[in-house]
């Protein structure tokens, strides 16, 4: 209930939702309990749906969408509620906008039950994830959904997915303050505990490296893009309600804060995730590894001309352009004294929008040494050829 007026996005969504696939596992999370109410409504069991909705409303009083379902079911039982496709005319503009957002939230949560990723498929961006990287995250903005993967001996495995809220004005962030969530491949740079933050951010936050080098190359600005929670008085936020961050329910961000590691964990944020078969990922992995191996061999052998052929004329790293970088490479190769280098913990991710990009991260270790610097390269397609347009040591 809002301003004394029944809001019915939830019942309308339940009535028009596609039939859930059989065998979908539900856990005892508040979202799963809400979806169970929807399923009971679709099955015509409004009495049991009301019992479940009342229990959820009592157990999670800050879950606004659940409270609305419960309120609407009470009115429906009294014969005072019809499913509405548009906001009630008596609602003020601000409440009508909230009505629309809540209806969108209901539809998105229902879609998560019925529109599952293909079995054994992966987001196209995850080309090569080393065993040392224990988790990977992908966000599908079109579904307001975040997917969490665990990386084990058998590769990436989808273990959970969660509803998220994104920018008030959508995605594809371009500048500071535009209230959009960035699109691209990022990495978690740090973990911020709740004691370091205001209650607004919930139990904590995971900071992303926006803008990355590809963003900077295209003139994108801004900072402070985080995965974070919500204030204690809220269970979740509506789909488009942030200033650009990715916001989760507090129990979901708490799981991430416990499990994922800064620096190594990749976070893909896409308008719509492109799920591909593992065989296709394997093929792209082989091609990308071969490309990086050619670069490594040229560097290890001190083949300066061949090595420089891998770099873009538009290369930059900090204040160094390609000419200055050639001097840096020459100094490094002289210091190595012809010793072979190995690339440890190789990670390769891809991104495609107006162009194709590879994000390559590795530890470079010279023969006879145990450790070496962690480096990151950005490769882009130029005239059909892959060229490095950024390379640098990461913290």
Protein backbone atom coordinates (compact mmCIF):
# COMPACT_ATOMS: atom_id res chain seq x y z
CA UNK A 1 0.00 0.00 0.00
CA UNK A 2 1.25 3.48 -0.81
CA UNK A 3 -0.50 6.77 0.05
CA UNK A 4 -3.58 4.71 0.91
CA UNK A 5 -3.81 3.36 -2.65
CA UNK A 6 -3.34 -0.28 -3.61
CA UNK A 7 -0.47 -0.88 -6.01
CA UNK A 8 -0.95 -3.92 -8.23
CA UNK A 9 2.17 -4.44 -10.34
CA UNK A 10 2.85 -7.69 -8.55
CA UNK A 11 -0.49 -9.37 -9.18
CA UNK A 12 -0.58 -8.19 -12.78
CA UNK A 13 2.92 -9.60 -13.31
CA UNK A 14 2.02 -12.92 -11.71
CA UNK A 15 -1.10 -13.29 -13.84
CA UNK A 16 0.80 -12.66 -17.06
CA UNK A 17 4.06 -14.40 -16.24
CA UNK A 18 5.17 -17.33 -18.39
CA UNK A 19 4.81 -20.69 -16.72
CA UNK A 20 7.96 -21.47 -14.67
CA UNK A 21 10.10 -24.32 -15.87
CA UNK A 22 9.60 -27.45 -13.78
CA UNK A 23 12.32 -28.37 -11.35
CA UNK A 24 13.63 -24.85 -10.69
CA UNK A 25 15.29 -24.99 -7.29
CA UNK A 26 14.19 -22.38 -4.81
CA UNK A 27 16.09 -21.57 -1.63
CA UNK A 28 14.64 -19.97 1.47
CA UNK A 29 15.76 -16.47 0.51
CA UNK A 30 13.19 -13.64 0.60
CA UNK A 31 13.23 -13.49 -3.20
CA UNK A 32 12.61 -17.23 -3.48
CA UNK A 33 9.73 -16.95 -1.03
CA UNK A 34 8.22 -14.12 -3.07
CA UNK A 35 8.52 -16.17 -6.24
CA UNK A 36 6.72 -19.01 -4.48
CA UNK A 37 3.82 -16.63 -3.81
CA UNK A 38 3.75 -15.80 -7.53
CA UNK A 39 3.70 -19.48 -8.43
CA UNK A 40 0.79 -20.14 -6.09
CA UNK A 41 -1.12 -17.23 -7.62
CA UNK A 42 -0.59 -18.58 -11.10
CA UNK A 43 -1.78 -22.00 -9.93
CA UNK A 44 -4.96 -20.35 -8.63
CA UNK A 45 -4.21 -21.04 -4.96
CA UNK A 46 -4.78 -17.53 -3.64
CA UNK A 47 -5.48 -18.77 -0.10
CA UNK A 48 -2.04 -20.40 0.27
CA UNK A 49 -0.44 -17.45 -1.55
CA UNK A 50 -1.89 -15.13 1.09
CA UNK A 51 -0.53 -17.31 3.90
CA UNK A 52 2.95 -17.29 2.34
CA UNK A 53 2.80 -13.54 1.61
CA UNK A 54 1.78 -12.74 5.19
CA UNK A 55 4.64 -14.84 6.56
CA UNK A 56 7.14 -13.13 4.27
CA UNK A 57 5.81 -9.66 5.12
CA UNK A 58 6.20 -10.37 8.83
CA UNK A 59 9.65 -11.92 8.51
CA UNK A 60 11.08 -9.27 6.15
CA UNK A 61 9.19 -6.05 6.91
CA UNK A 62 11.59 -3.90 4.84
CA UNK A 63 10.94 -5.85 1.60
CA UNK A 64 8.64 -3.32 -0.06
CA UNK A 65 7.63 -5.49 -2.99
CA UNK A 66 6.62 -8.30 -0.63
CA UNK A 67 4.58 -5.87 1.47
CA UNK A 68 2.75 -4.73 -1.66
CA UNK A 69 1.94 -8.29 -2.65
CA UNK A 70 0.51 -8.97 0.78
CA UNK A 71 -1.54 -5.76 0.78
CA UNK A 72 -2.91 -6.44 -2.67
CA UNK A 73 -3.86 -10.00 -1.74
CA UNK A 74 -5.77 -8.74 1.29
CA UNK A 75 -7.71 -6.30 -0.91
CA UNK A 76 -8.28 -8.95 -3.54
CA UNK A 77 -9.79 -11.26 -0.93
CA UNK A 78 -12.23 -8.47 -0.09
CA UNK A 79 -13.10 -8.03 -3.76
CA UNK A 80 -11.70 -4.51 -3.86
CA UNK A 81 -8.83 -5.03 -6.27
CA UNK A 82 -8.54 -5.57 -10.00
CA UNK A 83 -5.19 -5.99 -11.75
CA UNK A 84 -4.19 -2.68 -13.28
CA UNK A 85 -1.97 -2.20 -16.31
CA UNK A 86 -1.37 1.51 -15.61
CA UNK A 87 -0.85 3.48 -12.38
CA UNK A 88 -4.06 4.58 -10.66
CA UNK A 89 -5.00 8.09 -11.75
CA UNK A 90 -5.20 9.35 -8.17
CA UNK A 91 -1.51 8.66 -7.53
CA UNK A 92 0.81 11.72 -7.49
CA UNK A 93 3.56 11.73 -10.11
CA UNK A 94 6.28 10.57 -7.71
CA UNK A 95 4.17 7.65 -6.50
CA UNK A 96 3.20 6.73 -10.07
CA UNK A 97 6.88 6.56 -10.99
CA UNK A 98 7.51 4.31 -8.01
CA UNK A 99 4.52 2.18 -9.02
CA UNK A 100 6.08 1.65 -12.46
CA UNK A 101 9.46 0.78 -10.97
CA UNK A 102 7.91 -1.75 -8.61
CA UNK A 103 6.01 -3.36 -11.44
CA UNK A 104 9.25 -3.56 -13.41
CA UNK A 105 10.97 -5.11 -10.37
CA UNK A 106 8.22 -7.73 -10.13
CA UNK A 107 8.57 -8.61 -13.82
CA UNK A 108 12.36 -8.85 -13.57
CA UNK A 109 12.25 -11.10 -10.53
CA UNK A 110 9.73 -13.37 -12.25
CA UNK A 111 11.86 -13.50 -15.39
CA UNK A 112 14.76 -14.76 -13.28
CA UNK A 113 12.64 -17.80 -12.42
CA UNK A 114 11.60 -18.60 -15.98
CA UNK A 115 14.48 -17.35 -18.16
CA UNK A 116 17.49 -19.28 -16.96
CA UNK A 117 20.91 -19.23 -18.67
CA UNK A 118 21.53 -22.18 -21.01
CA UNK A 119 22.91 -25.26 -19.29
CA UNK A 120 26.74 -25.37 -19.16
CA UNK A 121 27.03 -22.04 -20.99
CA UNK A 122 29.27 -19.13 -20.03
CA UNK A 123 29.26 -15.40 -20.75
CA UNK A 124 31.36 -14.85 -23.87
CA UNK A 125 33.72 -12.49 -22.01
CA UNK A 126 35.22 -15.20 -19.76
CA UNK A 127 37.84 -16.57 -22.17
CA UNK A 128 40.53 -17.69 -19.71
CA UNK A 129 40.28 -17.57 -15.92
CA UNK A 130 43.28 -18.97 -13.99
CA UNK A 131 42.80 -21.36 -11.03
CA UNK A 132 44.04 -18.64 -8.64
CA UNK A 133 40.96 -16.57 -9.47
CA UNK A 134 38.28 -18.23 -7.39
CA UNK A 135 35.25 -16.25 -8.57
CA UNK A 136 33.91 -14.31 -11.52
CA UNK A 137 30.87 -12.02 -11.71
CA UNK A 138 28.65 -11.06 -14.64
CA UNK A 139 25.81 -8.51 -14.64
CA UNK A 140 23.01 -8.56 -17.23
CA UNK A 141 21.54 -5.04 -17.17
CA UNK A 142 18.51 -6.01 -19.27
CA UNK A 143 17.48 -8.44 -16.51
CA UNK A 144 18.77 -6.51 -13.48
CA UNK A 145 20.57 -9.73 -12.64
CA UNK A 146 24.02 -10.57 -11.30
CA UNK A 147 25.50 -14.04 -11.83
CA UNK A 148 28.19 -15.42 -9.50
CA UNK A 149 30.58 -18.12 -10.72
CA UNK A 150 32.98 -20.32 -8.76
CA UNK A 151 36.18 -21.39 -10.50
CA UNK A 152 37.31 -24.91 -9.60
CA UNK A 153 39.24 -27.77 -11.20
CA UNK A 154 36.48 -28.13 -13.81
CA UNK A 155 36.38 -24.44 -14.71
CA UNK A 156 33.72 -21.83 -14.10
CA UNK A 157 30.42 -22.95 -12.58
CA UNK A 158 27.37 -20.76 -12.02
CA UNK A 159 26.48 -21.05 -8.33
CA UNK A 160 23.97 -18.24 -7.69
CA UNK A 161 22.23 -15.25 -9.23
CA UNK A 162 20.81 -12.15 -7.60
CA UNK A 163 18.53 -9.21 -8.38
CA UNK A 164 20.42 -5.89 -8.66
CA UNK A 165 19.57 -2.22 -9.07
CA UNK A 166 21.38 -0.06 -11.63
CA UNK A 167 21.67 3.57 -12.71
CA UNK A 168 18.68 5.91 -12.66
CA UNK A 169 19.31 6.79 -16.31
CA UNK A 170 20.30 3.30 -17.40
CA UNK A 171 23.70 2.03 -18.50
CA UNK A 172 26.71 3.01 -20.66
CA UNK A 173 28.27 5.57 -18.36
CA UNK A 174 30.20 8.29 -20.18
CA UNK A 175 30.87 11.05 -17.68
CA UNK A 176 30.94 11.96 -14.03
CA UNK A 177 27.48 12.39 -12.55
CA UNK A 178 25.44 11.05 -15.49
CA UNK A 179 23.66 8.53 -13.20
CA UNK A 180 24.46 5.63 -15.52
CA UNK A 181 26.12 2.30 -14.78
CA UNK A 182 29.23 1.59 -16.87
CA UNK A 183 29.42 -1.22 -19.40
CA UNK A 184 32.62 -3.21 -19.74
CA UNK A 185 35.07 -5.59 -18.10
CA UNK A 186 36.28 -4.50 -14.66
CA UNK A 187 38.10 -5.88 -11.65
CA UNK A 188 37.37 -5.57 -7.96
CA UNK A 189 40.10 -3.33 -6.56
CA UNK A 190 39.25 -3.23 -2.85
CA UNK A 191 36.83 -4.37 -0.16
CA UNK A 192 35.21 -1.71 2.02
CA UNK A 193 33.65 -2.86 5.31
CA UNK A 194 30.51 -1.42 6.79
CA UNK A 195 32.48 0.33 9.54
CA UNK A 196 34.18 2.43 6.85
CA UNK A 197 30.93 3.54 5.23
CA UNK A 198 27.61 5.20 5.92
CA UNK A 199 24.53 3.02 6.51
CA UNK A 200 23.43 3.98 2.99
CA UNK A 201 25.85 1.36 1.59
CA UNK A 202 24.70 -1.51 3.78
CA UNK A 203 27.27 -3.96 5.20
CA UNK A 204 29.99 -2.97 2.75
CA UNK A 205 31.13 -2.42 -0.81
CA UNK A 206 33.43 -3.78 -3.50
CA UNK A 207 35.09 -1.07 -5.57
CA UNK A 208 35.59 -1.46 -9.35
CA UNK A 209 38.39 -0.07 -11.51
CA UNK A 210 36.12 2.23 -13.53
CA UNK A 211 37.27 3.91 -15.69
CA UNK A 212 39.50 1.19 -17.10
CA UNK A 213 42.10 1.85 -19.80
CA UNK A 214 39.61 1.23 -22.60
CA UNK A 215 37.21 3.71 -20.99
CA UNK A 216 39.97 6.32 -20.70
CA UNK A 217 40.96 5.83 -24.31
CA UNK A 218 37.39 6.81 -25.26
CA UNK A 219 37.29 9.83 -22.97
CA UNK A 220 34.97 8.40 -20.32
CA UNK A 221 35.10 10.01 -16.89
CA UNK A 222 33.78 9.37 -13.40
CA UNK A 223 34.76 7.33 -10.37
CA UNK A 224 33.39 5.55 -7.31
CA UNK A 225 31.56 2.71 -9.07
CA UNK A 226 30.91 0.04 -6.46
CA UNK A 227 28.95 -3.10 -5.78
CA UNK A 228 27.24 -2.31 -2.49
CA UNK A 229 24.22 -2.92 -0.27
CA UNK A 230 21.26 -0.87 0.93
CA UNK A 231 20.33 0.99 4.14
CA UNK A 232 18.98 -1.18 6.98
CA UNK A 233 15.44 0.11 6.44
CA UNK A 234 15.38 -1.29 2.88
CA UNK A 235 15.52 -4.84 1.57
CA UNK A 236 16.25 -3.80 -2.01
CA UNK A 237 16.01 -0.84 -4.37
CA UNK A 238 13.94 -0.57 -7.53
CA UNK A 239 15.64 -1.49 -10.85
CA UNK A 240 16.82 1.97 -11.89
CA UNK A 241 17.55 3.86 -8.70
CA UNK A 242 21.33 4.27 -8.26
CA UNK A 243 23.80 6.94 -9.27
CA UNK A 244 25.70 4.35 -11.32
CA UNK A 245 26.62 1.65 -8.83
CA UNK A 246 25.40 -1.95 -8.83
CA UNK A 247 23.28 -2.40 -5.69
CA UNK A 248 22.30 -5.71 -4.10
CA UNK A 249 20.23 -6.79 -1.11
CA UNK A 250 22.36 -6.81 2.03
CA UNK A 251 22.41 -10.60 2.39
CA UNK A 252 23.68 -10.86 -1.20
CA UNK A 253 26.45 -8.26 -0.87
CA UNK A 254 27.42 -9.89 2.44
CA UNK A 255 28.01 -13.14 0.56
CA UNK A 256 30.24 -11.37 -1.95
CA UNK A 257 32.16 -9.57 0.79
CA UNK A 258 32.88 -12.93 2.42
CA UNK A 259 33.76 -14.88 -0.68
CA UNK A 260 35.34 -12.82 -3.45
CA UNK A 261 38.87 -11.45 -3.49
CA UNK A 262 39.96 -7.97 -4.56
CA UNK A 263 42.36 -7.46 -7.50
CA UNK A 264 41.77 -10.80 -9.24
CA UNK A 265 37.97 -11.07 -9.48
CA UNK A 266 36.59 -9.92 -12.87
CA UNK A 267 33.21 -8.19 -13.10
CA UNK A 268 31.52 -8.01 -16.51
CA UNK A 269 28.65 -5.54 -16.88
CA UNK A 270 26.77 -5.94 -20.19
CA UNK A 271 23.54 -4.61 -21.62
CA UNK A 272 22.65 -8.24 -22.29
CA UNK A 273 24.92 -11.20 -21.56
CA UNK A 274 25.82 -13.37 -24.52
CA UNK A 275 25.87 -16.95 -23.23
CA UNK A 276 27.94 -19.33 -25.37
CA UNK A 277 28.76 -23.02 -25.25
CA UNK A 278 31.95 -24.03 -23.47
CA UNK A 279 33.32 -25.42 -26.72
CA UNK A 280 33.18 -21.97 -28.28
CA UNK A 281 34.95 -20.50 -25.25
CA UNK A 282 37.63 -23.18 -25.58
CA UNK A 283 38.20 -22.21 -29.22
CA UNK A 284 38.53 -18.51 -28.43
CA UNK A 285 40.83 -19.36 -25.50
CA UNK A 286 43.19 -21.26 -27.81
CA UNK A 287 43.38 -18.37 -30.26
CA UNK A 288 43.93 -15.76 -27.54
CA UNK A 289 46.61 -17.82 -25.80
CA UNK A 290 48.46 -18.30 -29.09
CA UNK A 291 48.48 -14.54 -29.64
CA UNK A 292 49.86 -13.81 -26.16
CA UNK A 293 52.43 -16.60 -26.54
CA UNK A 294 53.77 -15.01 -29.73
CA UNK A 295 54.25 -11.75 -27.82
CA UNK A 296 56.01 -13.60 -24.98
CA UNK A 297 58.40 -15.39 -27.31
CA UNK A 298 59.38 -12.19 -29.11
CA UNK A 299 60.04 -10.50 -25.76
CA UNK A 300 62.01 -13.43 -24.32
CA UNK A 301 64.18 -13.70 -27.42
CA UNK A 302 64.85 -9.98 -27.60
CA UNK A 303 63.37 -9.74 -31.09
CA UNK A 304 62.80 -5.99 -30.90
CA UNK A 305 61.29 -5.42 -34.34
CA UNK A 306 58.92 -8.36 -34.02
CA UNK A 307 57.98 -7.32 -30.50
CA UNK A 308 57.19 -3.74 -31.49
CA UNK A 309 54.90 -5.08 -34.20
CA UNK A 310 52.50 -6.13 -31.43
CA UNK A 311 52.04 -2.53 -30.24
CA UNK A 312 49.60 0.07 -31.56
CA UNK A 313 50.85 3.41 -32.91
CA UNK A 314 48.31 4.89 -30.46
CA UNK A 315 49.87 3.04 -27.49
CA UNK A 316 50.08 4.87 -24.18
CA UNK A 317 50.98 3.87 -20.64
CA UNK A 318 50.81 6.69 -18.15
CA UNK A 319 52.78 9.50 -19.80
CA UNK A 320 54.70 7.16 -22.12
CA UNK A 321 53.83 6.98 -25.81
CA UNK A 322 55.01 4.21 -28.15
CA UNK A 323 58.47 5.75 -28.69
CA UNK A 324 59.09 6.06 -24.97
CA UNK A 325 57.66 2.60 -24.33
CA UNK A 326 60.12 1.10 -26.82
CA UNK A 327 62.91 2.43 -24.61
CA UNK A 328 61.28 0.88 -21.54
CA UNK A 329 61.03 -2.49 -23.29
CA UNK A 330 64.64 -2.29 -24.43
CA UNK A 331 65.81 -1.63 -20.86
CA UNK A 332 63.73 -4.51 -19.52
CA UNK A 333 65.04 -6.95 -22.12
CA UNK A 334 68.63 -5.92 -21.42
CA UNK A 335 68.07 -6.42 -17.68
CA UNK A 336 66.67 -9.90 -18.36
CA UNK A 337 69.91 -10.82 -20.15
CA UNK A 338 68.16 -13.20 -22.50
CA UNK A 339 66.46 -15.23 -19.78
CA UNK A 340 63.19 -16.86 -20.83
CA UNK A 341 60.06 -15.43 -19.24
CA UNK A 342 56.99 -17.31 -18.11
CA UNK A 343 53.48 -15.93 -17.81
CA UNK A 344 51.88 -17.08 -14.56
CA UNK A 345 48.19 -16.89 -13.64
CA UNK A 346 47.22 -15.82 -17.14
CA UNK A 347 43.76 -14.25 -17.37
CA UNK A 348 42.12 -13.30 -20.67
CA UNK A 349 38.78 -11.53 -20.91
CA UNK A 350 37.07 -10.02 -23.93
CA UNK A 351 34.76 -7.10 -24.60
CA UNK A 352 32.85 -6.21 -27.74
CA UNK A 353 30.92 -3.03 -28.48
CA UNK A 354 31.96 -0.69 -31.29
CA UNK A 355 35.28 -2.58 -31.37
CA UNK A 356 36.87 -5.73 -29.94
CA UNK A 357 39.13 -5.68 -26.89
CA UNK A 358 41.12 -8.31 -24.98
CA UNK A 359 42.10 -7.67 -21.37
CA UNK A 360 45.15 -9.79 -20.54
CA UNK A 361 46.55 -10.07 -16.99
CA UNK A 362 49.56 -12.14 -15.94
CA UNK A 363 52.54 -12.42 -13.65
CA UNK A 364 55.78 -12.20 -15.64
CA UNK A 365 58.47 -14.37 -14.06
CA UNK A 366 62.00 -14.67 -15.45
CA UNK A 367 63.67 -18.07 -15.48
CA UNK A 368 65.51 -18.58 -12.20
CA UNK A 369 63.19 -16.27 -10.28
CA UNK A 370 60.20 -17.17 -8.13
CA UNK A 371 58.12 -14.04 -8.51
CA UNK A 372 57.65 -11.15 -10.88
CA UNK A 373 55.44 -8.14 -11.54
CA UNK A 374 51.72 -8.50 -12.27
CA UNK A 375 50.98 -6.83 -15.59
CA UNK A 376 47.85 -5.98 -17.54
CA UNK A 377 47.54 -5.38 -21.27
CA UNK A 378 44.67 -4.09 -23.36
CA UNK A 379 44.61 -5.37 -26.95
CA UNK A 380 42.38 -3.89 -29.64
CA UNK A 381 41.62 -4.77 -33.26
CA UNK A 382 43.26 -2.34 -35.72
CA UNK A 383 42.97 -3.09 -39.41
CA UNK A 384 42.00 -6.65 -38.54
CA UNK A 385 45.13 -7.18 -36.42
CA UNK A 386 45.39 -7.36 -32.65
CA UNK A 387 47.54 -4.56 -31.21
CA UNK A 388 48.42 -3.62 -27.62
CA UNK A 389 47.26 -0.09 -26.79
CA UNK A 390 48.06 -0.22 -23.07
CA UNK A 391 50.46 -2.15 -20.87
CA UNK A 392 51.35 -1.56 -17.26
CA UNK A 393 52.15 -3.05 -13.87
CA UNK A 394 49.13 -3.37 -11.59
CA UNK A 395 49.28 -3.03 -7.81
